[in-house]
C-alpha atoms as a PDB file:
ATOM      1  CA  LEU A   1      69.267 247.169 117.197  1.00  0.00           C
ATOM      2  CA  THR A   2      65.863 247.661 117.242  1.00  0.00           C
ATOM      3  CA  LEU A   3      63.375 250.240 116.560  1.00  0.00           C
ATOM      4  CA  THR A   4      59.869 250.049 117.888  1.00  0.00           C
ATOM      5  CA  GLY A   5      57.508 252.808 117.350  1.00  0.00           C
ATOM      6  CA  GLN A   6      59.444 255.986 118.320  1.00  0.00           C
ATOM      7  CA  SER A   7      61.836 254.175 121.260  1.00  0.00           C
ATOM      8  CA  MET A   8      64.907 252.550 120.838  1.00  0.00           C
ATOM      9  CA  GLN A   9      65.523 249.247 122.452  1.00  0.00           C
ATOM     10  CA  VAL A  10      69.235 247.818 122.643  1.00  0.00           C
ATOM     11  CA  ARG A  11      69.846 244.033 122.559  1.00  0.00           C
ATOM     12  CA  PRO A  12      72.609 242.596 124.021  1.00  0.00           C
ATOM     13  CA  ARG A  13      75.124 241.338 121.376  1.00  0.00           C
ATOM     14  CA  ALA A  14      76.746 238.004 122.145  1.00  0.00           C
ATOM     15  CA  ARG A  15      80.308 238.563 122.229  1.00  0.00           C
ATOM     16  CA  ILE A  16      82.736 236.646 120.362  1.00  0.00           C
ATOM     17  CA  SER A  17      85.825 234.698 121.504  1.00  0.00           C
ATOM     18  CA  PRO A  18      89.001 235.077 119.392  1.00  0.00           C
ATOM     19  CA  HIS A  19      88.831 231.357 119.207  1.00  0.00           C
ATOM     20  CA  GLU A  20      85.399 231.469 117.427  1.00  0.00           C
ATOM     21  CA  ARG A  21      86.093 234.334 115.007  1.00  0.00           C
ATOM     22  CA  PRO A  22      86.654 232.891 111.161  1.00  0.00           C
ATOM     23  CA  MET A  23      89.845 231.811 110.014  1.00  0.00           C
ATOM     24  CA  ASN A  24      89.441 234.460 107.206  1.00  0.00           C
ATOM     25  CA  ALA A  25      88.344 237.423 109.021  1.00  0.00           C
ATOM     26  CA  ASN A  26      90.348 240.488 109.143  1.00  0.00           C
ATOM     27  CA  PRO A  27      91.595 242.512 112.201  1.00  0.00           C
ATOM     28  CA  PRO A  28      89.669 245.440 112.803  1.00  0.00           C
ATOM     29  CA  SER A  29      91.155 248.274 110.249  1.00  0.00           C
ATOM     30  CA  MET A  30      92.188 251.428 112.263  1.00  0.00           C
ATOM     31  CA  PHE A  31      90.885 253.570 109.135  1.00  0.00           C
ATOM     32  CA  ASN A  32      87.710 255.645 109.775  1.00  0.00           C
ATOM     33  CA  PRO A  33      85.786 254.926 106.406  1.00  0.00           C
ATOM     34  CA  ASP A  34      85.121 259.073 106.287  1.00  0.00           C
ATOM     35  CA  ASP A  35      88.497 259.506 105.789  1.00  0.00           C
ATOM     36  CA  SER A  36      89.347 258.242 102.302  1.00  0.00           C
ATOM     37  CA  LEU A  37      88.920 259.860  98.701  1.00  0.00           C
ATOM     38  CA  GLU A  38      89.032 258.397  95.341  1.00  0.00           C
ATOM     39  CA  PHE A  39      90.881 259.796  92.378  1.00  0.00           C
ATOM     40  CA  GLY A  40      90.389 258.217  89.256  1.00  0.00           C
ATOM     41  CA  PRO A  41      92.014 254.930  89.199  1.00  0.00           C
ATOM     42  CA  VAL A  42      93.562 255.583  93.093  1.00  0.00           C
ATOM     43  CA  ARG A  43      91.842 255.286  96.173  1.00  0.00           C
ATOM     44  CA  CYS A  44      93.598 256.267  99.965  1.00  0.00           C
ATOM     45  CA  ALA A  45      92.900 256.751 103.292  1.00  0.00           C
ATOM     46  CA  TRP A  46      94.399 258.009 106.365  1.00  0.00           C
ATOM     47  CA  GLY A  47      94.289 257.686 109.905  1.00  0.00           C
ATOM     48  CA  ALA A  48      96.870 257.546 113.094  1.00  0.00           C
ATOM     49  CA  TYR A  49      99.988 256.397 113.231  1.00  0.00           C
ATOM     50  CA  HIS A  50     101.256 255.569 116.598  1.00  0.00           C
ATOM     51  CA  HIS A  51     105.520 255.972 116.625  1.00  0.00           C
ATOM     52  CA  GLY A  52     107.132 252.609 116.808  1.00  0.00           C
ATOM     53  CA  ALA A  53     104.463 250.984 115.013  1.00  0.00           C
ATOM     54  CA  VAL A  54     105.144 248.906 111.933  1.00  0.00           C
ATOM     55  CA  ALA A  55     103.012 250.894 108.835  1.00  0.00           C
ATOM     56  CA  GLU A  56     102.614 247.554 107.234  1.00  0.00           C
ATOM     57  CA  THR A  57     101.073 245.744 109.545  1.00  0.00           C
ATOM     58  CA  MET A  58      98.781 248.855 110.027  1.00  0.00           C
ATOM     59  CA  VAL A  59      97.900 249.154 106.094  1.00  0.00           C
ATOM     60  CA  ARG A  60      97.468 245.529 105.466  1.00  0.00           C
ATOM     61  CA  PRO A  61      93.847 245.387 106.645  1.00  0.00           C
ATOM     62  CA  LYS A  62      92.667 248.241 104.742  1.00  0.00           C
ATOM     63  CA  LEU A  63      94.350 246.846 101.531  1.00  0.00           C
ATOM     64  CA  ALA A  64      92.572 243.706 102.377  1.00  0.00           C
ATOM     65  CA  GLU A  65      89.359 245.300 102.475  1.00  0.00           C
ATOM     66  CA  TRP A  66      90.016 247.162  99.489  1.00  0.00           C
ATOM     67  CA  LEU A  67      90.984 243.961  97.699  1.00  0.00           C
ATOM     68  CA  ASN A  68      88.238 241.745  99.199  1.00  0.00           C
ATOM     69  CA  THR A  69      90.789 239.438 100.420  1.00  0.00           C
ATOM     70  CA  ALA A  70      91.729 238.091 103.522  1.00  0.00           C
ATOM     71  CA  ALA A  71      94.609 240.282 105.143  1.00  0.00           C
ATOM     72  CA  LEU A  72      96.749 237.144 105.965  1.00  0.00           C
ATOM     73  CA  GLU A  73      96.555 235.834 102.396  1.00  0.00           C
ATOM     74  CA  LEU A  74      97.611 239.399 100.736  1.00  0.00           C
ATOM     75  CA  SER A  75     100.837 239.055  98.905  1.00  0.00           C
ATOM     76  CA  LEU A  76     102.778 241.942  99.923  1.00  0.00           C
ATOM     77  CA  ALA A  77     106.453 242.207  99.280  1.00  0.00           C
ATOM     78  CA  ARG A  78     109.443 244.511  98.287  1.00  0.00           C
ATOM     79  CA  ASP A  79     111.586 244.864  95.616  1.00  0.00           C
ATOM     80  CA  ALA A  80     115.197 245.509  95.639  1.00  0.00           C
ATOM     81  CA  TYR A  81     115.236 249.004  96.525  1.00  0.00           C
ATOM     82  CA  GLY A  82     112.475 247.929  99.182  1.00  0.00           C
ATOM     83  CA  ARG A  83     109.321 249.202  97.559  1.00  0.00           C
ATOM     84  CA  PRO A  84     106.166 247.495  98.277  1.00  0.00           C
ATOM     85  CA  ARG A  85     104.314 245.489  95.394  1.00  0.00           C
ATOM     86  CA  LEU A  86     101.279 243.256  95.305  1.00  0.00           C
ATOM     87  CA  ASP A  87     102.051 239.704  94.060  1.00  0.00           C
ATOM     88  CA  GLY A  88      99.625 236.786  93.039  1.00  0.00           C
ATOM     89  CA  PRO A  89      96.006 237.632  91.788  1.00  0.00           C
ATOM     90  CA  ASN A  90      96.537 241.303  93.005  1.00  0.00           C
ATOM     91  CA  ALA A  91      99.511 242.075  90.949  1.00  0.00           C
ATOM     92  CA  ASP A  92      97.322 244.423  88.559  1.00  0.00           C
ATOM     93  CA  PHE A  93      97.511 246.732  91.402  1.00  0.00           C
ATOM     94  CA  ASP A  94     100.423 249.219  93.370  1.00  0.00           C
ATOM     95  CA  VAL A  95     100.237 250.030  96.751  1.00  0.00           C
ATOM     96  CA  SER A  96     102.451 252.815  98.662  1.00  0.00           C
ATOM     97  CA  TRP A  97     102.207 254.743 102.159  1.00  0.00           C
ATOM     98  CA  SER A  98     103.757 257.376 103.959  1.00  0.00           C
ATOM     99  CA  HIS A  99     103.670 258.015 107.442  1.00  0.00           C
ATOM    100  CA  SER A 100     104.722 261.528 109.171  1.00  0.00           C
ATOM    101  CA  GLY A 101     104.137 262.923 112.686  1.00  0.00           C
ATOM    102  CA  ASN A 102     101.088 260.868 113.699  1.00  0.00           C
ATOM    103  CA  GLY A 103      99.197 260.611 110.475  1.00  0.00           C
ATOM    104  CA  LEU A 104      99.459 257.657 108.088  1.00  0.00           C
ATOM    105  CA  LEU A 105      98.431 257.256 104.690  1.00  0.00           C
ATOM    106  CA  VAL A 106      97.627 254.497 102.215  1.00  0.00           C
ATOM    107  CA  ALA A 107      96.888 254.413  98.721  1.00  0.00           C
ATOM    108  CA  LEU A 108      96.062 251.729  96.429  1.00  0.00           C
ATOM    109  CA  GLY A 109      96.124 252.102  92.401  1.00  0.00           C
ATOM    110  CA  ALA A 110      94.631 249.906  89.462  1.00  0.00           C
ATOM    111  CA  ASN A 111      97.106 249.406  86.550  1.00  0.00           C
ATOM    112  CA  VAL A 112      99.212 252.468  87.791  1.00  0.00           C
ATOM    113  CA  HIS A 113     102.460 252.850  89.509  1.00  0.00           C
ATOM    114  CA  VAL A 114     101.416 254.653  92.413  1.00  0.00           C
ATOM    115  CA  GLY A 115     103.142 257.281  95.356  1.00  0.00           C
ATOM    116  CA  ALA A 116     101.971 258.608  98.497  1.00  0.00           C
ATOM    117  CA  ASP A 117     103.611 261.116 100.388  1.00  0.00           C
ATOM    118  CA  LEU A 118     102.221 262.191 103.536  1.00  0.00           C
ATOM    119  CA  GLU A 119     103.786 265.731 105.558  1.00  0.00           C
ATOM    120  CA  TRP A 120     103.418 267.123 108.803  1.00  0.00           C
ATOM    121  CA  LEU A 121     103.333 270.773 108.741  1.00  0.00           C
ATOM    122  CA  ARG A 122     106.033 271.474 111.518  1.00  0.00           C
ATOM    123  CA  PRO A 123     108.255 274.365 111.600  1.00  0.00           C
ATOM    124  CA  ARG A 124     111.273 274.153 108.906  1.00  0.00           C
ATOM    125  CA  PRO A 125     113.089 277.596 109.421  1.00  0.00           C
ATOM    126  CA  ARG A 126     116.001 275.883 107.301  1.00  0.00           C
ATOM    127  CA  ALA A 127     113.625 275.493 104.174  1.00  0.00           C
ATOM    128  CA  LEU A 128     115.725 277.512 101.743  1.00  0.00           C
ATOM    129  CA  LEU A 129     118.895 275.671 102.645  1.00  0.00           C
ATOM    130  CA  LEU A 130     117.552 272.389 101.928  1.00  0.00           C
ATOM    131  CA  ALA A 131     115.529 273.398  98.550  1.00  0.00           C
ATOM    132  CA  GLU A 132     119.075 274.997  97.403  1.00  0.00           C
ATOM    133  CA  ARG A 133     120.459 271.347  98.161  1.00  0.00           C
ATOM    134  CA  PHE A 134     117.834 269.378  96.963  1.00  0.00           C
ATOM    135  CA  PHE A 135     115.911 271.395  94.485  1.00  0.00           C
ATOM    136  CA  THR A 136     116.344 272.731  90.880  1.00  0.00           C
ATOM    137  CA  ALA A 137     117.637 276.361  90.493  1.00  0.00           C
ATOM    138  CA  ASN A 138     114.164 277.508  89.290  1.00  0.00           C
ATOM    139  CA  GLU A 139     112.186 275.975  92.183  1.00  0.00           C
ATOM    140  CA  THR A 140     114.878 277.419  94.572  1.00  0.00           C
ATOM    141  CA  ALA A 141     114.220 280.857  93.358  1.00  0.00           C
ATOM    142  CA  THR A 142     110.956 280.412  93.448  1.00  0.00           C
ATOM    143  CA  LEU A 143     110.720 279.660  96.853  1.00  0.00           C
ATOM    144  CA  ARG A 144     113.164 282.233  97.628  1.00  0.00           C
ATOM    145  CA  ALA A 145     110.737 284.787  95.977  1.00  0.00           C
ATOM    146  CA  TRP A 146     107.748 283.311  97.578  1.00  0.00           C
ATOM    147  CA  PRO A 147     106.019 285.401 100.683  1.00  0.00           C
ATOM    148  CA  GLU A 148     107.583 284.504 103.915  1.00  0.00           C
ATOM    149  CA  ALA A 149     104.531 284.000 105.879  1.00  0.00           C
ATOM    150  CA  THR A 150     103.714 280.846 103.448  1.00  0.00           C
ATOM    151  CA  ARG A 151     106.815 279.667 102.151  1.00  0.00           C
ATOM    152  CA  GLU A 152     107.760 276.453 104.760  1.00  0.00           C
ATOM    153  CA  ILE A 153     104.230 275.408 103.428  1.00  0.00           C
ATOM    154  CA  ALA A 154     104.836 276.317  99.811  1.00  0.00           C
ATOM    155  CA  PHE A 155     108.134 274.316 100.464  1.00  0.00           C
ATOM    156  CA  VAL A 156     106.336 270.980 101.959  1.00  0.00           C
ATOM    157  CA  ARG A 157     103.800 271.016  99.437  1.00  0.00           C
ATOM    158  CA  LEU A 158     106.667 271.097  96.528  1.00  0.00           C
ATOM    159  CA  TRP A 159     108.556 268.320  98.460  1.00  0.00           C
ATOM    160  CA  CYS A 160     105.492 266.437  99.028  1.00  0.00           C
ATOM    161  CA  ALA A 161     104.906 266.422  95.678  1.00  0.00           C
ATOM    162  CA  LYS A 162     108.450 265.125  94.253  1.00  0.00           C
ATOM    163  CA  GLU A 163     108.389 262.531  96.915  1.00  0.00           C
ATOM    164  CA  ALA A 164     104.976 261.366  95.675  1.00  0.00           C
ATOM    165  CA  VAL A 165     106.338 261.041  92.065  1.00  0.00           C
ATOM    166  CA  LEU A 166     109.938 259.223  93.003  1.00  0.00           C
ATOM    167  CA  LYS A 167     108.000 256.789  95.280  1.00  0.00           C
ATOM    168  CA  ALA A 168     105.534 255.790  92.394  1.00  0.00           C
ATOM    169  CA  HIS A 169     108.663 255.519  89.887  1.00  0.00           C
ATOM    170  CA  GLY A 170     110.156 252.949  92.347  1.00  0.00           C
ATOM    171  CA  ARG A 171     113.749 254.588  93.506  1.00  0.00           C
ATOM    172  CA  GLY A 172     112.171 257.125  96.281  1.00  0.00           C
ATOM    173  CA  LEU A 173     114.987 260.221  97.357  1.00  0.00           C
ATOM    174  CA  ALA A 174     117.836 258.406  96.226  1.00  0.00           C
ATOM    175  CA  PHE A 175     116.859 258.896  92.553  1.00  0.00           C
ATOM    176  CA  GLY A 176     117.248 262.732  93.356  1.00  0.00           C
ATOM    177  CA  LEU A 177     114.612 265.397  93.988  1.00  0.00           C
ATOM    178  CA  ASP A 178     116.498 267.559  91.386  1.00  0.00           C
ATOM    179  CA  ARG A 179     115.449 265.326  88.731  1.00  0.00           C
ATOM    180  CA  LEU A 180     112.344 266.408  88.105  1.00  0.00           C
ATOM    181  CA  GLU A 181     110.993 269.872  87.859  1.00  0.00           C
ATOM    182  CA  PHE A 182     107.719 271.767  89.302  1.00  0.00           C
ATOM    183  CA  VAL A 183     106.367 275.043  88.934  1.00  0.00           C
ATOM    184  CA  ALA A 184     104.406 277.132  91.186  1.00  0.00           C
ATOM    185  CA  ASP A 185     100.381 276.999  89.975  1.00  0.00           C
ATOM    186  CA  GLY A 186      98.613 278.894  92.655  1.00  0.00           C
ATOM    187  CA  GLU A 187      99.593 277.229  95.871  1.00  0.00           C
ATOM    188  CA  ALA A 188     100.129 274.127  94.144  1.00  0.00           C
ATOM    189  CA  TRP A 189     103.036 272.794  92.264  1.00  0.00           C
ATOM    190  CA  ARG A 190     102.773 271.398  88.382  1.00  0.00           C
ATOM    191  CA  MET A 191     105.271 268.815  87.196  1.00  0.00           C
ATOM    192  CA  THR A 192     106.811 270.652  83.857  1.00  0.00           C
ATOM    193  CA  ALA A 193     110.033 268.832  83.473  1.00  0.00           C
ATOM    194  CA  CYS A 194     111.723 265.467  84.515  1.00  0.00           C
ATOM    195  CA  ASP A 195     114.415 262.952  83.756  1.00  0.00           C
ATOM    196  CA  ALA A 196     113.617 260.409  80.923  1.00  0.00           C
ATOM    197  CA  VAL A 197     113.388 257.699  82.969  1.00  0.00           C
ATOM    198  CA  LEU A 198     110.566 259.066  84.406  1.00  0.00           C
ATOM    199  CA  GLY A 199     108.648 259.351  81.175  1.00  0.00           C
ATOM    200  CA  ALA A 200     107.130 262.491  80.643  1.00  0.00           C
ATOM    201  CA  PRO A 201     105.555 265.198  82.741  1.00  0.00           C
ATOM    202  CA  GLU A 202     102.020 264.883  80.924  1.00  0.00           C
ATOM    203  CA  GLU A 203     102.140 260.959  81.317  1.00  0.00           C
ATOM    204  CA  TRP A 204     102.062 261.530  85.397  1.00  0.00           C
ATOM    205  CA  SER A 205      98.802 262.656  87.301  1.00  0.00           C
ATOM    206  CA  VAL A 206      99.692 264.711  90.906  1.00  0.00           C
ATOM    207  CA  HIS A 207      96.715 265.492  93.399  1.00  0.00           C
ATOM    208  CA  ALA A 208      97.475 267.570  96.492  1.00  0.00           C
ATOM    209  CA  PHE A 209      95.288 267.526  99.153  1.00  0.00           C
ATOM    210  CA  THR A 210      94.761 268.069 102.833  1.00  0.00           C
ATOM    211  CA  PRO A 211      93.884 265.116 104.748  1.00  0.00           C
ATOM    212  CA  MET A 212      93.613 266.446 108.179  1.00  0.00           C
ATOM    213  CA  PRO A 213      94.428 269.771 109.645  1.00  0.00           C
ATOM    214  CA  GLY A 214      97.824 270.041 110.397  1.00  0.00           C
ATOM    215  CA  TYR A 215      98.932 268.006 107.274  1.00  0.00           C
ATOM    216  CA  VAL A 216      99.692 267.739 103.614  1.00  0.00           C
ATOM    217  CA  ALA A 217      99.438 265.308 100.837  1.00  0.00           C
ATOM    218  CA  THR A 218      99.731 264.302  97.264  1.00  0.00           C
ATOM    219  CA  LEU A 219      99.496 261.169  95.475  1.00  0.00           C
ATOM    220  CA  ALA A 220     101.058 260.736  92.083  1.00  0.00           C
ATOM    221  CA  TRP A 221     100.605 258.084  89.282  1.00  0.00           C
ATOM    222  CA  ARG A 222     101.364 257.106  85.734  1.00  0.00           C
ATOM    223  CA  ARG A 223      99.542 254.370  83.714  1.00  0.00           C
ATOM    224  CA  ARG A 224     101.759 251.110  83.712  1.00  0.00           C
END
């Protein structure tokens, strides 16, 4: 692109054959640079998810960009519970991702255990039944008393917060959503109690946000 006075001329750009692309070049990221945030030691990005696609394949170029490495050289493995982890020169970082509906969220944390959860705000008429089954009695009572017009959103935000913490811990939903408890803090939720295996509530940072219309997301992290 060349600017000449008040006019603008566009020079044709030479097309690069795939065979001419440098061996260490990363494939283009599907994440828009503007669709990202940083919270202390954690950064995240979100974009469109295509049903049937392998999320790991979609997030790998973004992780490689953040870590200034080639996507094919990124050492990304799974532990015994299926949790992704970074090995080798990037072992000081932790990674988590989540997809729901047509959205995908990925997070990278430095010297922390990080969990990310994204939830599509679809109708959930069985929210209270699910709360009774999976949440604590106090959380269920809070949701039952919640104004009906916003109860489903409150339920999703609470689920999202709990799942983010459990993904950071490493066991996910199998650990049990009732083994940590949150209280309502305005429209948000704040963790006040948890199983000793998770540490103390005050050791956790839990940040909820709206990455795009119709979705809620939560990042949770704890220092290693």
